[in-house]
């Protein structure tokens, strides 16, 4: 099994990618292969409609290698910082590229990052607006890493009770995501979907 990890901060060496690396380490310890995309280090060009009609254009070229990695994944973890209660533009831009070939009927776990006690609004935003055309299936669980500078700084030792709690909660949610990834394989392998006919969600 392979899980894609999307780190949706535009900052280089962000707290978001720090948590993403911790998640990657946790999954690898469970025997799960991973693909990690850091949108701070490897931003995608701003999406526009040339993506649809220039099949060999610069946007298609930039997307091709990422798309191939996503297609090989059976589930996703999307990490977003809380910027003024919103998802950063680089992550919204990422979802404009995605389609059913990359994400349809694959489970997704949302992890929100906050330097304080926020984080819930980006979770709501992703659940509302990111799935319509790519058909990613957000699982009911999500994680909010609050006071992130005090969490997940060491792979071995937690830094206090809050860090211990969020690590345990993360491990629980990762196990649920893995179970969903197995279960939704039956849907992906069936012939029930007709995405050539119904390309866009309602």
Protein backbone atom coordinates (compact mmCIF):
# COMPACT_ATOMS: atom_id res chain seq x y z
CA UNK A 1 0.00 0.00 0.00
CA UNK A 2 1.08 3.56 -0.71
CA UNK A 3 -0.25 6.74 0.89
CA UNK A 4 0.25 10.24 -0.55
CA UNK A 5 1.10 13.05 1.87
CA UNK A 6 0.36 16.57 0.61
CA UNK A 7 1.99 19.35 2.66
CA UNK A 8 -0.03 22.44 1.79
CA UNK A 9 2.09 25.31 3.07
CA UNK A 10 3.79 27.81 0.77
CA UNK A 11 6.57 28.33 3.30
CA UNK A 12 9.91 26.57 2.93
CA UNK A 13 10.79 24.44 6.00
CA UNK A 14 7.32 25.01 7.46
CA UNK A 15 5.76 23.52 10.56
CA UNK A 16 3.35 21.82 8.17
CA UNK A 17 6.09 19.84 6.46
CA UNK A 18 7.61 19.06 9.88
CA UNK A 19 4.35 17.34 10.79
CA UNK A 20 4.21 15.79 7.33
CA UNK A 21 7.62 14.21 7.87
CA UNK A 22 6.44 12.89 11.23
CA UNK A 23 3.38 11.38 9.55
CA UNK A 24 5.58 9.86 6.85
CA UNK A 25 7.83 8.32 9.52
CA UNK A 26 4.77 6.95 11.35
CA UNK A 27 3.39 5.34 8.20
CA UNK A 28 6.75 3.86 7.23
CA UNK A 29 6.92 2.31 10.71
CA UNK A 30 3.58 0.63 9.93
CA UNK A 31 5.07 -0.81 6.71
CA UNK A 32 3.28 1.68 4.42
CA UNK A 33 5.03 3.21 1.40
CA UNK A 34 4.63 6.97 1.02
CA UNK A 35 4.87 9.81 -1.46
CA UNK A 36 5.37 13.23 0.10
CA UNK A 37 4.71 16.43 -1.86
CA UNK A 38 5.94 19.61 -0.17
CA UNK A 39 4.23 22.52 -1.94
CA UNK A 40 6.65 24.92 -0.25
CA UNK A 41 9.69 23.30 -1.84
CA UNK A 42 7.93 22.18 -5.04
CA UNK A 43 5.09 24.60 -5.85
CA UNK A 44 2.85 24.01 -8.84
CA UNK A 45 2.36 26.79 -11.40
CA UNK A 46 -0.85 28.75 -11.00
CA UNK A 47 -3.63 26.77 -12.65
CA UNK A 48 -5.49 28.15 -15.65
CA UNK A 49 -7.64 26.76 -18.46
CA UNK A 50 -4.68 25.99 -20.73
CA UNK A 51 -4.35 22.82 -18.62
CA UNK A 52 -7.46 21.47 -20.38
CA UNK A 53 -6.70 22.29 -24.00
CA UNK A 54 -2.89 22.32 -24.22
CA UNK A 55 -2.19 18.64 -23.65
CA UNK A 56 1.57 19.15 -24.01
CA UNK A 57 1.60 22.58 -22.37
CA UNK A 58 3.70 23.77 -19.46
CA UNK A 59 0.98 23.05 -16.88
CA UNK A 60 0.52 19.49 -18.07
CA UNK A 61 4.28 19.01 -18.02
CA UNK A 62 4.55 20.33 -14.46
CA UNK A 63 1.68 18.10 -13.32
CA UNK A 64 2.60 14.83 -15.04
CA UNK A 65 5.11 13.45 -12.53
CA UNK A 66 2.93 14.45 -9.56
CA UNK A 67 -0.14 12.90 -11.19
CA UNK A 68 1.68 9.61 -11.73
CA UNK A 69 2.63 9.47 -8.05
CA UNK A 70 -0.91 10.27 -6.94
CA UNK A 71 -2.38 7.63 -9.24
CA UNK A 72 -0.18 5.02 -7.56
CA UNK A 73 -1.48 5.95 -4.09
CA UNK A 74 -4.42 4.23 -2.39
CA UNK A 75 -5.15 6.99 0.09
CA UNK A 76 -4.11 10.53 1.00
CA UNK A 77 -3.22 12.73 3.92
CA UNK A 78 -3.62 16.45 3.29
CA UNK A 79 -1.95 18.83 5.73
CA UNK A 80 -2.96 22.47 5.80
CA UNK A 81 -1.85 25.35 7.96
CA UNK A 82 -4.46 27.77 9.27
CA UNK A 83 -3.81 31.06 7.48
CA UNK A 84 -6.37 33.64 8.63
CA UNK A 85 -8.82 30.76 9.04
CA UNK A 86 -8.28 29.66 5.44
CA UNK A 87 -6.49 27.04 3.37
CA UNK A 88 -3.40 28.54 1.65
CA UNK A 89 -3.67 29.30 -2.06
CA UNK A 90 -1.04 26.70 -3.03
CA UNK A 91 -3.25 23.93 -1.66
CA UNK A 92 -6.37 25.25 -3.39
CA UNK A 93 -4.26 25.43 -6.55
CA UNK A 94 -3.23 21.78 -6.08
CA UNK A 95 -6.85 20.66 -5.95
CA UNK A 96 -7.61 22.49 -9.20
CA UNK A 97 -5.19 20.11 -10.92
CA UNK A 98 -6.59 16.90 -9.42
CA UNK A 99 -9.17 14.73 -11.12
CA UNK A 100 -10.75 11.31 -10.84
CA UNK A 101 -7.66 9.61 -12.28
CA UNK A 102 -5.66 10.67 -9.25
CA UNK A 103 -8.13 10.64 -6.35
CA UNK A 104 -11.52 9.08 -7.10
CA UNK A 105 -12.79 6.70 -4.43
CA UNK A 106 -9.63 6.99 -2.37
CA UNK A 107 -9.87 8.02 1.28
CA UNK A 108 -8.36 11.24 2.59
CA UNK A 109 -7.38 12.31 6.10
CA UNK A 110 -7.22 16.05 6.83
CA UNK A 111 -4.58 17.34 9.25
CA UNK A 112 -4.77 21.03 10.13
CA UNK A 113 -1.84 22.89 11.66
CA UNK A 114 -2.06 25.87 14.01
CA UNK A 115 0.60 27.77 15.93
CA UNK A 116 -2.15 28.62 18.44
CA UNK A 117 -5.53 27.06 19.15
CA UNK A 118 -7.14 27.43 15.69
CA UNK A 119 -7.23 24.95 12.85
CA UNK A 120 -10.89 24.01 12.55
CA UNK A 121 -11.85 26.39 9.73
CA UNK A 122 -9.41 24.93 7.13
CA UNK A 123 -10.84 21.49 7.95
CA UNK A 124 -14.33 22.76 7.16
CA UNK A 125 -13.11 24.47 3.99
CA UNK A 126 -11.50 21.31 2.62
CA UNK A 127 -14.59 19.25 3.42
CA UNK A 128 -16.81 21.78 1.64
CA UNK A 129 -14.90 22.65 -1.51
CA UNK A 130 -12.08 20.28 -2.49
CA UNK A 131 -13.72 16.98 -3.43
CA UNK A 132 -16.36 17.80 -6.06
CA UNK A 133 -14.59 16.83 -9.28
CA UNK A 134 -11.79 14.59 -8.04
CA UNK A 135 -14.14 12.48 -5.82
CA UNK A 136 -11.70 12.09 -2.94
CA UNK A 137 -13.51 10.55 0.05
CA UNK A 138 -12.70 12.45 3.23
CA UNK A 139 -12.94 10.11 6.19
CA UNK A 140 -14.94 11.25 9.25
CA UNK A 141 -11.80 11.57 11.40
CA UNK A 142 -9.48 14.55 11.14
CA UNK A 143 -6.55 15.84 13.21
CA UNK A 144 -5.85 19.38 14.41
CA UNK A 145 -2.30 19.91 15.66
CA UNK A 146 -2.56 22.97 17.89
CA UNK A 147 0.48 24.75 19.37
CA UNK A 148 2.42 22.92 16.69
CA UNK A 149 5.83 24.28 17.67
CA UNK A 150 5.58 22.14 20.82
CA UNK A 151 4.51 18.95 19.01
CA UNK A 152 6.17 16.27 16.89
CA UNK A 153 9.67 17.74 17.15
CA UNK A 154 11.30 14.37 17.90
CA UNK A 155 10.45 11.00 16.38
CA UNK A 156 11.37 9.23 19.63
CA UNK A 157 10.21 11.25 22.64
CA UNK A 158 7.01 13.29 23.02
CA UNK A 159 7.30 16.70 24.66
CA UNK A 160 4.67 16.57 27.38
CA UNK A 161 1.06 15.42 27.67
CA UNK A 162 -0.32 17.42 24.71
CA UNK A 163 2.30 15.99 22.36
CA UNK A 164 1.68 12.46 23.67
CA UNK A 165 -2.06 12.85 23.13
CA UNK A 166 -1.84 14.15 19.56
CA UNK A 167 0.64 11.41 18.60
CA UNK A 168 -1.72 8.74 19.94
CA UNK A 169 -4.68 10.35 18.18
CA UNK A 170 -2.68 10.49 14.94
CA UNK A 171 -1.77 6.80 15.18
CA UNK A 172 -5.45 5.94 15.65
CA UNK A 173 -6.52 8.03 12.64
CA UNK A 174 -3.77 6.59 10.44
CA UNK A 175 -5.01 3.08 11.24
CA UNK A 176 -8.53 4.12 10.23
CA UNK A 177 -7.23 5.64 6.98
CA UNK A 178 -5.38 2.42 6.13
CA UNK A 179 -8.56 0.39 6.74
CA UNK A 180 -10.55 2.74 4.48
CA UNK A 181 -7.85 2.44 1.81
CA UNK A 182 -8.27 -1.33 1.79
CA UNK A 183 -12.07 -1.16 1.85
CA UNK A 184 -12.45 1.37 -0.96
CA UNK A 185 -10.24 -0.78 -3.18
CA UNK A 186 -13.36 -2.79 -3.97
CA UNK A 187 -15.10 0.34 -5.27
CA UNK A 188 -12.09 1.33 -7.37
CA UNK A 189 -11.90 -2.17 -8.86
CA UNK A 190 -15.61 -2.33 -9.68
CA UNK A 191 -17.15 -1.14 -12.94
CA UNK A 192 -19.77 0.95 -11.19
CA UNK A 193 -18.21 4.37 -11.87
CA UNK A 194 -18.94 6.23 -15.11
CA UNK A 195 -16.65 9.24 -14.82
CA UNK A 196 -16.33 9.65 -18.58
CA UNK A 197 -20.07 10.34 -18.60
CA UNK A 198 -20.28 12.14 -15.25
CA UNK A 199 -16.96 13.95 -15.19
CA UNK A 200 -18.02 16.72 -12.85
CA UNK A 201 -19.64 16.44 -9.44
CA UNK A 202 -22.85 18.28 -8.62
